[in-house]
Amino acid sequence: MSFWRTTLAARPDIWPLVLITSFGALFGTTMLVRAGTRYHDVSWRHESNPFPYEKLKYNQKTKLMHIASYDHLKDEVPKF
């Protein structure tokens, strides 16, 4: 710890680099943990829910950003 303290005290011009890099690492770790625990295509409990995507509703949104809206679609069985 003293190495970092002496290096940063001797060179204050690298503070922004250290802060931005630390923020990026923290954000990346947070998003990785969020993706592993929240999204439907990741399943940590294979015994109780082996196929988590089968419990999705017809027009349920699972992505962060959608280009098109699927709210107008109806859950109808096609007639053959």
PDB file of N, CA and C in Angstrom:
ATOM      1  N   MET A   1       0.821  -1.192   0.000  1.00  0.00           N
ATOM      2  CA  MET A   1       0.000   0.000   0.000  1.00  0.00           C
ATOM      3  C   MET A   1       0.863   1.252   0.000  1.00  0.00           C
ATOM      4  N   SER A   2       2.014   1.178   0.634  1.00  0.00           N
ATOM      5  CA  SER A   2       2.867   2.367   0.677  1.00  0.00           C
ATOM      6  C   SER A   2       3.460   2.683  -0.697  1.00  0.00           C
ATOM      7  N   PHE A   3       3.620   1.665  -1.546  1.00  0.00           N
ATOM      8  CA  PHE A   3       4.118   1.918  -2.897  1.00  0.00           C
ATOM      9  C   PHE A   3       3.143   2.815  -3.666  1.00  0.00           C
ATOM     10  N   TRP A   4       1.858   2.489  -3.605  1.00  0.00           N
ATOM     11  CA  TRP A   4       0.854   3.297  -4.298  1.00  0.00           C
ATOM     12  C   TRP A   4       0.768   4.696  -3.709  1.00  0.00           C
ATOM     13  N   ARG A   5       0.865   4.783  -2.386  1.00  0.00           N
ATOM     14  CA  ARG A   5       0.764   6.088  -1.741  1.00  0.00           C
ATOM     15  C   ARG A   5       1.936   6.983  -2.124  1.00  0.00           C
ATOM     16  N   THR A   6       3.138   6.443  -2.132  1.00  0.00           N
ATOM     17  CA  THR A   6       4.295   7.262  -2.486  1.00  0.00           C
ATOM     18  C   THR A   6       4.309   7.612  -3.974  1.00  0.00           C
ATOM     19  N   THR A   7       3.869   6.674  -4.809  1.00  0.00           N
ATOM     20  CA  THR A   7       3.831   6.937  -6.247  1.00  0.00           C
ATOM     21  C   THR A   7       2.807   8.015  -6.580  1.00  0.00           C
ATOM     22  N   LEU A   8       1.625   7.917  -5.996  1.00  0.00           N
ATOM     23  CA  LEU A   8       0.586   8.903  -6.276  1.00  0.00           C
ATOM     24  C   LEU A   8       0.906  10.259  -5.644  1.00  0.00           C
ATOM     25  N   ALA A   9       1.591  10.258  -4.520  1.00  0.00           N
ATOM     26  CA  ALA A   9       1.974  11.524  -3.903  1.00  0.00           C
ATOM     27  C   ALA A   9       3.072  12.210  -4.719  1.00  0.00           C
ATOM     28  N   ALA A  10       3.968  11.426  -5.314  1.00  0.00           N
ATOM     29  CA  ALA A  10       5.052  12.007  -6.099  1.00  0.00           C
ATOM     30  C   ALA A  10       4.569  12.489  -7.470  1.00  0.00           C
ATOM     31  N   ARG A  11       3.535  11.863  -8.004  1.00  0.00           N
ATOM     32  CA  ARG A  11       3.030  12.216  -9.335  1.00  0.00           C
ATOM     33  C   ARG A  11       1.524  12.470  -9.284  1.00  0.00           C
ATOM     34  N   PRO A  12       1.109  13.661  -8.961  1.00  0.00           N
ATOM     35  CA  PRO A  12      -0.330  13.947  -8.896  1.00  0.00           C
ATOM     36  C   PRO A  12      -1.010  14.008 -10.262  1.00  0.00           C
ATOM     37  N   ASP A  13      -0.228  14.006 -11.331  1.00  0.00           N
ATOM     38  CA  ASP A  13      -0.839  14.068 -12.659  1.00  0.00           C
ATOM     39  C   ASP A  13      -1.433  12.726 -13.093  1.00  0.00           C
ATOM     40  N   ILE A  14      -1.158  11.623 -12.382  1.00  0.00           N
ATOM     41  CA  ILE A  14      -1.747  10.338 -12.760  1.00  0.00           C
ATOM     42  C   ILE A  14      -3.009  10.018 -11.950  1.00  0.00           C
ATOM     43  N   TRP A  15      -3.453  10.927 -11.085  1.00  0.00           N
ATOM     44  CA  TRP A  15      -4.694  10.718 -10.335  1.00  0.00           C
ATOM     45  C   TRP A  15      -5.891  10.498 -11.255  1.00  0.00           C
ATOM     46  N   PRO A  16      -6.089  11.324 -12.293  1.00  0.00           N
ATOM     47  CA  PRO A  16      -7.249  11.064 -13.166  1.00  0.00           C
ATOM     48  C   PRO A  16      -7.197   9.695 -13.842  1.00  0.00           C
ATOM     49  N   LEU A  17      -6.013   9.256 -14.231  1.00  0.00           N
ATOM     50  CA  LEU A  17      -5.868   7.953 -14.857  1.00  0.00           C
ATOM     51  C   LEU A  17      -6.247   6.837 -13.886  1.00  0.00           C
ATOM     52  N   VAL A  18      -5.789   6.953 -12.653  1.00  0.00           N
ATOM     53  CA  VAL A  18      -6.101   5.938 -11.644  1.00  0.00           C
ATOM     54  C   VAL A  18      -7.590   5.945 -11.328  1.00  0.00           C
ATOM     55  N   LEU A  19      -8.191   7.117 -11.209  1.00  0.00           N
ATOM     56  CA  LEU A  19      -9.611   7.194 -10.893  1.00  0.00           C
ATOM     57  C   LEU A  19     -10.482   6.650 -12.022  1.00  0.00           C
ATOM     58  N   ILE A  20     -10.164   7.008 -13.259  1.00  0.00           N
ATOM     59  CA  ILE A  20     -10.958   6.535 -14.396  1.00  0.00           C
ATOM     60  C   ILE A  20     -10.799   5.029 -14.574  1.00  0.00           C
ATOM     61  N   THR A  21      -9.593   4.510 -14.411  1.00  0.00           N
ATOM     62  CA  THR A  21      -9.364   3.076 -14.517  1.00  0.00           C
ATOM     63  C   THR A  21     -10.079   2.321 -13.405  1.00  0.00           C
ATOM     64  N   SER A  22     -10.044   2.853 -12.203  1.00  0.00           N
ATOM     65  CA  SER A  22     -10.739   2.212 -11.082  1.00  0.00           C
ATOM     66  C   SER A  22     -12.244   2.215 -11.299  1.00  0.00           C
ATOM     67  N   PHE A  23     -12.785   3.336 -11.777  1.00  0.00           N
ATOM     68  CA  PHE A  23     -14.212   3.402 -12.054  1.00  0.00           C
ATOM     69  C   PHE A  23     -14.598   2.409 -13.147  1.00  0.00           C
ATOM     70  N   GLY A  24     -13.797   2.296 -14.190  1.00  0.00           N
ATOM     71  CA  GLY A  24     -14.086   1.346 -15.263  1.00  0.00           C
ATOM     72  C   GLY A  24     -14.059  -0.096 -14.777  1.00  0.00           C
ATOM     73  N   ALA A  25     -13.096  -0.434 -13.931  1.00  0.00           N
ATOM     74  CA  ALA A  25     -13.016  -1.792 -13.391  1.00  0.00           C
ATOM     75  C   ALA A  25     -14.209  -2.085 -12.477  1.00  0.00           C
ATOM     76  N   LEU A  26     -14.595  -1.117 -11.672  1.00  0.00           N
ATOM     77  CA  LEU A  26     -15.751  -1.295 -10.786  1.00  0.00           C
ATOM     78  C   LEU A  26     -17.042  -1.431 -11.594  1.00  0.00           C
ATOM     79  N   PHE A  27     -17.211  -0.617 -12.623  1.00  0.00           N
ATOM     80  CA  PHE A  27     -18.400  -0.697 -13.475  1.00  0.00           C
ATOM     81  C   PHE A  27     -18.462  -2.033 -14.217  1.00  0.00           C
ATOM     82  N   GLY A  28     -17.325  -2.476 -14.740  1.00  0.00           N
ATOM     83  CA  GLY A  28     -17.300  -3.755 -15.444  1.00  0.00           C
ATOM     84  C   GLY A  28     -17.627  -4.928 -14.531  1.00  0.00           C
ATOM     85  N   THR A  29     -17.101  -4.903 -13.329  1.00  0.00           N
ATOM     86  CA  THR A  29     -17.394  -5.965 -12.366  1.00  0.00           C
ATOM     87  C   THR A  29     -18.861  -5.944 -11.969  1.00  0.00           C
ATOM     88  N   THR A  30     -19.398  -4.744 -11.764  1.00  0.00           N
ATOM     89  CA  THR A  30     -20.810  -4.627 -11.406  1.00  0.00           C
ATOM     90  C   THR A  30     -21.714  -5.159 -12.508  1.00  0.00           C
ATOM     91  N   MET A  31     -21.418  -4.827 -13.752  1.00  0.00           N
ATOM     92  CA  MET A  31     -22.242  -5.310 -14.859  1.00  0.00           C
ATOM     93  C   MET A  31     -22.102  -6.820 -15.054  1.00  0.00           C
ATOM     94  N   LEU A  32     -20.938  -7.369 -14.785  1.00  0.00           N
ATOM     95  CA  LEU A  32     -20.750  -8.807 -14.895  1.00  0.00           C
ATOM     96  C   LEU A  32     -21.566  -9.542 -13.833  1.00  0.00           C
ATOM     97  N   VAL A  33     -21.558  -9.027 -12.611  1.00  0.00           N
ATOM     98  CA  VAL A  33     -22.358  -9.636 -11.547  1.00  0.00           C
ATOM     99  C   VAL A  33     -23.844  -9.477 -11.851  1.00  0.00           C
ATOM    100  N   ARG A  34     -24.250  -8.325 -12.361  1.00  0.00           N
ATOM    101  CA  ARG A  34     -25.653  -8.097 -12.710  1.00  0.00           C
ATOM    102  C   ARG A  34     -26.104  -9.036 -13.820  1.00  0.00           C
ATOM    103  N   ALA A  35     -25.260  -9.231 -14.819  1.00  0.00           N
ATOM    104  CA  ALA A  35     -25.618 -10.130 -15.917  1.00  0.00           C
ATOM    105  C   ALA A  35     -25.723 -11.570 -15.445  1.00  0.00           C
ATOM    106  N   GLY A  36     -24.897 -11.939 -14.485  1.00  0.00           N
ATOM    107  CA  GLY A  36     -24.929 -13.311 -13.992  1.00  0.00           C
ATOM    108  C   GLY A  36     -26.068 -13.603 -13.049  1.00  0.00           C
ATOM    109  N   THR A  37     -26.665 -12.580 -12.476  1.00  0.00           N
ATOM    110  CA  THR A  37     -27.731 -12.825 -11.502  1.00  0.00           C
ATOM    111  C   THR A  37     -29.101 -12.383 -11.967  1.00  0.00           C
ATOM    112  N   ARG A  38     -29.209 -11.537 -12.962  1.00  0.00           N
ATOM    113  CA  ARG A  38     -30.504 -10.961 -13.303  1.00  0.00           C
ATOM    114  C   ARG A  38     -31.078 -11.435 -14.631  1.00  0.00           C
ATOM    115  N   TYR A  39     -30.264 -11.616 -15.633  1.00  0.00           N
ATOM    116  CA  TYR A  39     -30.786 -11.913 -16.963  1.00  0.00           C
ATOM    117  C   TYR A  39     -31.316 -13.339 -17.052  1.00  0.00           C
ATOM    118  N   HIS A  40     -32.263 -13.553 -17.968  1.00  0.00           N
ATOM    119  CA  HIS A  40     -32.950 -14.833 -18.064  1.00  0.00           C
ATOM    120  C   HIS A  40     -32.147 -15.910 -18.781  1.00  0.00           C
ATOM    121  N   ASP A  41     -31.167 -15.527 -19.544  1.00  0.00           N
ATOM    122  CA  ASP A  41     -30.424 -16.544 -20.266  1.00  0.00           C
ATOM    123  C   ASP A  41     -29.289 -17.135 -19.438  1.00  0.00           C
ATOM    124  N   VAL A  42     -29.192 -16.744 -18.182  1.00  0.00           N
ATOM    125  CA  VAL A  42     -28.210 -17.312 -17.262  1.00  0.00           C
ATOM    126  C   VAL A  42     -28.968 -18.017 -16.153  1.00  0.00           C
ATOM    127  N   SER A  43     -28.654 -19.279 -15.913  1.00  0.00           N
ATOM    128  CA  SER A  43     -29.334 -20.038 -14.868  1.00  0.00           C
ATOM    129  C   SER A  43     -28.303 -20.619 -13.913  1.00  0.00           C
ATOM    130  N   TRP A  44     -28.412 -20.252 -12.640  1.00  0.00           N
ATOM    131  CA  TRP A  44     -27.498 -20.762 -11.625  1.00  0.00           C
ATOM    132  C   TRP A  44     -28.078 -21.975 -10.910  1.00  0.00           C
ATOM    133  N   ARG A  45     -29.400 -22.171 -10.986  1.00  0.00           N
ATOM    134  CA  ARG A  45     -30.059 -23.286 -10.313  1.00  0.00           C
ATOM    135  C   ARG A  45     -30.649 -24.220 -11.368  1.00  0.00           C
ATOM    136  N   HIS A  46     -29.884 -25.175 -11.797  1.00  0.00           N
ATOM    137  CA  HIS A  46     -30.337 -26.064 -12.856  1.00  0.00           C
ATOM    138  C   HIS A  46     -31.302 -27.125 -12.333  1.00  0.00           C
ATOM    139  N   GLU A  47     -31.293 -27.402 -11.033  1.00  0.00           N
ATOM    140  CA  GLU A  47     -32.182 -28.420 -10.490  1.00  0.00           C
ATOM    141  C   GLU A  47     -33.619 -27.917 -10.427  1.00  0.00           C
ATOM    142  N   SER A  48     -33.817 -26.684  -9.957  1.00  0.00           N
ATOM    143  CA  SER A  48     -35.170 -26.179  -9.788  1.00  0.00           C
ATOM    144  C   SER A  48     -35.720 -25.522 -11.062  1.00  0.00           C
ATOM    145  N   ASN A  49     -34.855 -24.978 -11.909  1.00  0.00           N
ATOM    146  CA  ASN A  49     -35.316 -24.280 -13.113  1.00  0.00           C
ATOM    147  C   ASN A  49     -34.316 -24.514 -14.247  1.00  0.00           C
ATOM    148  N   PRO A  50     -34.370 -25.681 -14.891  1.00  0.00           N
ATOM    149  CA  PRO A  50     -33.365 -25.975 -15.910  1.00  0.00           C
ATOM    150  C   PRO A  50     -33.508 -25.147 -17.188  1.00  0.00           C
ATOM    151  N   PHE A  51     -34.713 -24.663 -17.487  1.00  0.00           N
ATOM    152  CA  PHE A  51     -34.943 -23.883 -18.688  1.00  0.00           C
ATOM    153  C   PHE A  51     -35.623 -22.571 -18.313  1.00  0.00           C
ATOM    154  N   PRO A  52     -34.870 -21.545 -17.889  1.00  0.00           N
ATOM    155  CA  PRO A  52     -35.494 -20.314 -17.407  1.00  0.00           C
ATOM    156  C   PRO A  52     -36.197 -19.513 -18.500  1.00  0.00           C
ATOM    157  N   TYR A  53     -35.814 -19.689 -19.744  1.00  0.00           N
ATOM    158  CA  TYR A  53     -36.424 -18.920 -20.821  1.00  0.00           C
ATOM    159  C   TYR A  53     -37.829 -19.409 -21.145  1.00  0.00           C
ATOM    160  N   GLU A  54     -38.237 -20.566 -20.640  1.00  0.00           N
ATOM    161  CA  GLU A  54     -39.593 -21.041 -20.899  1.00  0.00           C
ATOM    162  C   GLU A  54     -40.628 -20.310 -20.053  1.00  0.00           C
ATOM    163  N   LYS A  55     -40.210 -19.628 -18.992  1.00  0.00           N
ATOM    164  CA  LYS A  55     -41.144 -18.916 -18.132  1.00  0.00           C
ATOM    165  C   LYS A  55     -41.366 -17.471 -18.582  1.00  0.00           C
ATOM    166  N   LEU A  56     -40.762 -17.072 -19.682  1.00  0.00           N
ATOM    167  CA  LEU A  56     -40.954 -15.710 -20.181  1.00  0.00           C
ATOM    168  C   LEU A  56     -42.333 -15.568 -20.804  1.00  0.00           C
ATOM    169  N   LYS A  57     -42.932 -14.407 -20.641  1.00  0.00           N
ATOM    170  CA  LYS A  57     -44.207 -14.129 -21.284  1.00  0.00           C
ATOM    171  C   LYS A  57     -43.962 -13.800 -22.753  1.00  0.00           C
ATOM    172  N   TYR A  58     -45.025 -13.702 -23.507  1.00  0.00           N
ATOM    173  CA  TYR A  58     -44.905 -13.536 -24.957  1.00  0.00           C
ATOM    174  C   TYR A  58     -44.220 -12.230 -25.328  1.00  0.00           C
ATOM    175  N   ASN A  59     -44.579 -11.133 -24.675  1.00  0.00           N
ATOM    176  CA  ASN A  59     -43.999  -9.844 -25.041  1.00  0.00           C
ATOM    177  C   ASN A  59     -43.190  -9.244 -23.893  1.00  0.00           C
ATOM    178  N   GLN A  60     -42.604 -10.065 -23.059  1.00  0.00           N
ATOM    179  CA  GLN A  60     -41.787  -9.584 -21.946  1.00  0.00           C
ATOM    180  C   GLN A  60     -40.421  -9.133 -22.455  1.00  0.00           C
ATOM    181  N   LYS A  61     -40.018  -7.951 -22.027  1.00  0.00           N
ATOM    182  CA  LYS A  61     -38.731  -7.415 -22.453  1.00  0.00           C
ATOM    183  C   LYS A  61     -37.631  -7.938 -21.539  1.00  0.00           C
ATOM    184  N   THR A  62     -36.536  -8.395 -22.134  1.00  0.00           N
ATOM    185  CA  THR A  62     -35.432  -8.931 -21.353  1.00  0.00           C
ATOM    186  C   THR A  62     -34.117  -8.220 -21.649  1.00  0.00           C
ATOM    187  N   LYS A  63     -34.111  -7.272 -22.547  1.00  0.00           N
ATOM    188  CA  LYS A  63     -32.876  -6.572 -22.889  1.00  0.00           C
ATOM    189  C   LYS A  63     -32.901  -5.154 -22.362  1.00  0.00           C
ATOM    190  N   LEU A  64     -31.749  -4.534 -22.295  1.00  0.00           N
ATOM    191  CA  LEU A  64     -31.635  -3.184 -21.764  1.00  0.00           C
ATOM    192  C   LEU A  64     -32.199  -2.154 -22.738  1.00  0.00           C
ATOM    193  N   MET A  65     -31.930  -2.321 -24.028  1.00  0.00           N
ATOM    194  CA  MET A  65     -32.405  -1.371 -25.029  1.00  0.00           C
ATOM    195  C   MET A  65     -33.094  -2.124 -26.160  1.00  0.00           C
ATOM    196  N   HIS A  66     -34.276  -1.663 -26.546  1.00  0.00           N
ATOM    197  CA  HIS A  66     -35.020  -2.288 -27.629  1.00  0.00           C
ATOM    198  C   HIS A  66     -35.149  -1.305 -28.787  1.00  0.00           C
ATOM    199  N   ILE A  67     -34.928  -1.779 -29.969  1.00  0.00           N
ATOM    200  CA  ILE A  67     -35.084  -0.956 -31.156  1.00  0.00           C
ATOM    201  C   ILE A  67     -36.558  -0.881 -31.545  1.00  0.00           C
ATOM    202  N   ALA A  68     -37.256  -1.990 -31.465  1.00  0.00           N
ATOM    203  CA  ALA A  68     -38.666  -2.049 -31.841  1.00  0.00           C
ATOM    204  C   ALA A  68     -39.508  -2.387 -30.618  1.00  0.00           C
ATOM    205  N   SER A  69     -40.746  -1.973 -30.633  1.00  0.00           N
ATOM    206  CA  SER A  69     -41.669  -2.276 -29.549  1.00  0.00           C
ATOM    207  C   SER A  69     -42.528  -3.473 -29.947  1.00  0.00           C
ATOM    208  N   TYR A  70     -42.641  -4.439 -29.064  1.00  0.00           N
ATOM    209  CA  TYR A  70     -43.441  -5.626 -29.320  1.00  0.00           C
ATOM    210  C   TYR A  70     -44.705  -5.644 -28.468  1.00  0.00           C
ATOM    211  N   ASP A  71     -45.102  -4.490 -27.943  1.00  0.00           N
ATOM    212  CA  ASP A  71     -46.277  -4.430 -27.082  1.00  0.00           C
ATOM    213  C   ASP A  71     -47.579  -4.627 -27.864  1.00  0.00           C
ATOM    214  N   HIS A  72     -47.569  -4.310 -29.141  1.00  0.00           N
ATOM    215  CA  HIS A  72     -48.788  -4.425 -29.934  1.00  0.00           C
ATOM    216  C   HIS A  72     -49.068  -5.859 -30.371  1.00  0.00           C
ATOM    217  N   LEU A  73     -48.128  -6.772 -30.216  1.00  0.00           N
ATOM    218  CA  LEU A  73     -48.322  -8.156 -30.631  1.00  0.00           C
ATOM    219  C   LEU A  73     -49.235  -8.877 -29.647  1.00  0.00           C
ATOM    220  N   LYS A  74     -50.019  -9.793 -30.161  1.00  0.00           N
ATOM    221  CA  LYS A  74     -50.931 -10.575 -29.329  1.00  0.00           C
ATOM    222  C   LYS A  74     -50.461 -12.021 -29.296  1.00  0.00           C
ATOM    223  N   ASP A  75     -50.726 -12.656 -28.204  1.00  0.00           N
ATOM    224  CA  ASP A  75     -50.341 -14.053 -28.029  1.00  0.00           C
ATOM    225  C   ASP A  75     -51.437 -14.937 -28.622  1.00  0.00           C
ATOM    226  N   GLU A  76     -51.405 -15.092 -29.938  1.00  0.00           N
ATOM    227  CA  GLU A  76     -52.418 -15.886 -30.627  1.00  0.00           C
ATOM    228  C   GLU A  76     -51.779 -17.105 -31.252  1.00  0.00           C
ATOM    229  N   VAL A  77     -52.512 -18.174 -31.224  1.00  0.00           N
ATOM    230  CA  VAL A  77     -52.053 -19.403 -31.863  1.00  0.00           C
ATOM    231  C   VAL A  77     -52.379 -19.300 -33.350  1.00  0.00           C
ATOM    232  N   PRO A  78     -51.414 -19.561 -34.225  1.00  0.00           N
ATOM    233  CA  PRO A  78     -51.693 -19.449 -35.664  1.00  0.00           C
ATOM    234  C   PRO A  78     -52.703 -20.522 -36.122  1.00  0.00           C
ATOM    235  N   LYS A  79     -53.547 -20.140 -37.072  1.00  0.00           N
ATOM    236  CA  LYS A  79     -54.539 -21.055 -37.620  1.00  0.00           C
ATOM    237  C   LYS A  79     -53.995 -21.636 -38.927  1.00  0.00           C
ATOM    238  N   PHE A  80     -53.918 -22.944 -38.982  1.00  0.00           N
ATOM    239  CA  PHE A  80     -53.427 -23.624 -40.177  1.00  0.00           C
ATOM    240  C   PHE A  80     -54.543 -24.288 -40.896  1.00  0.00           C
TER     241      PHE A  80
END
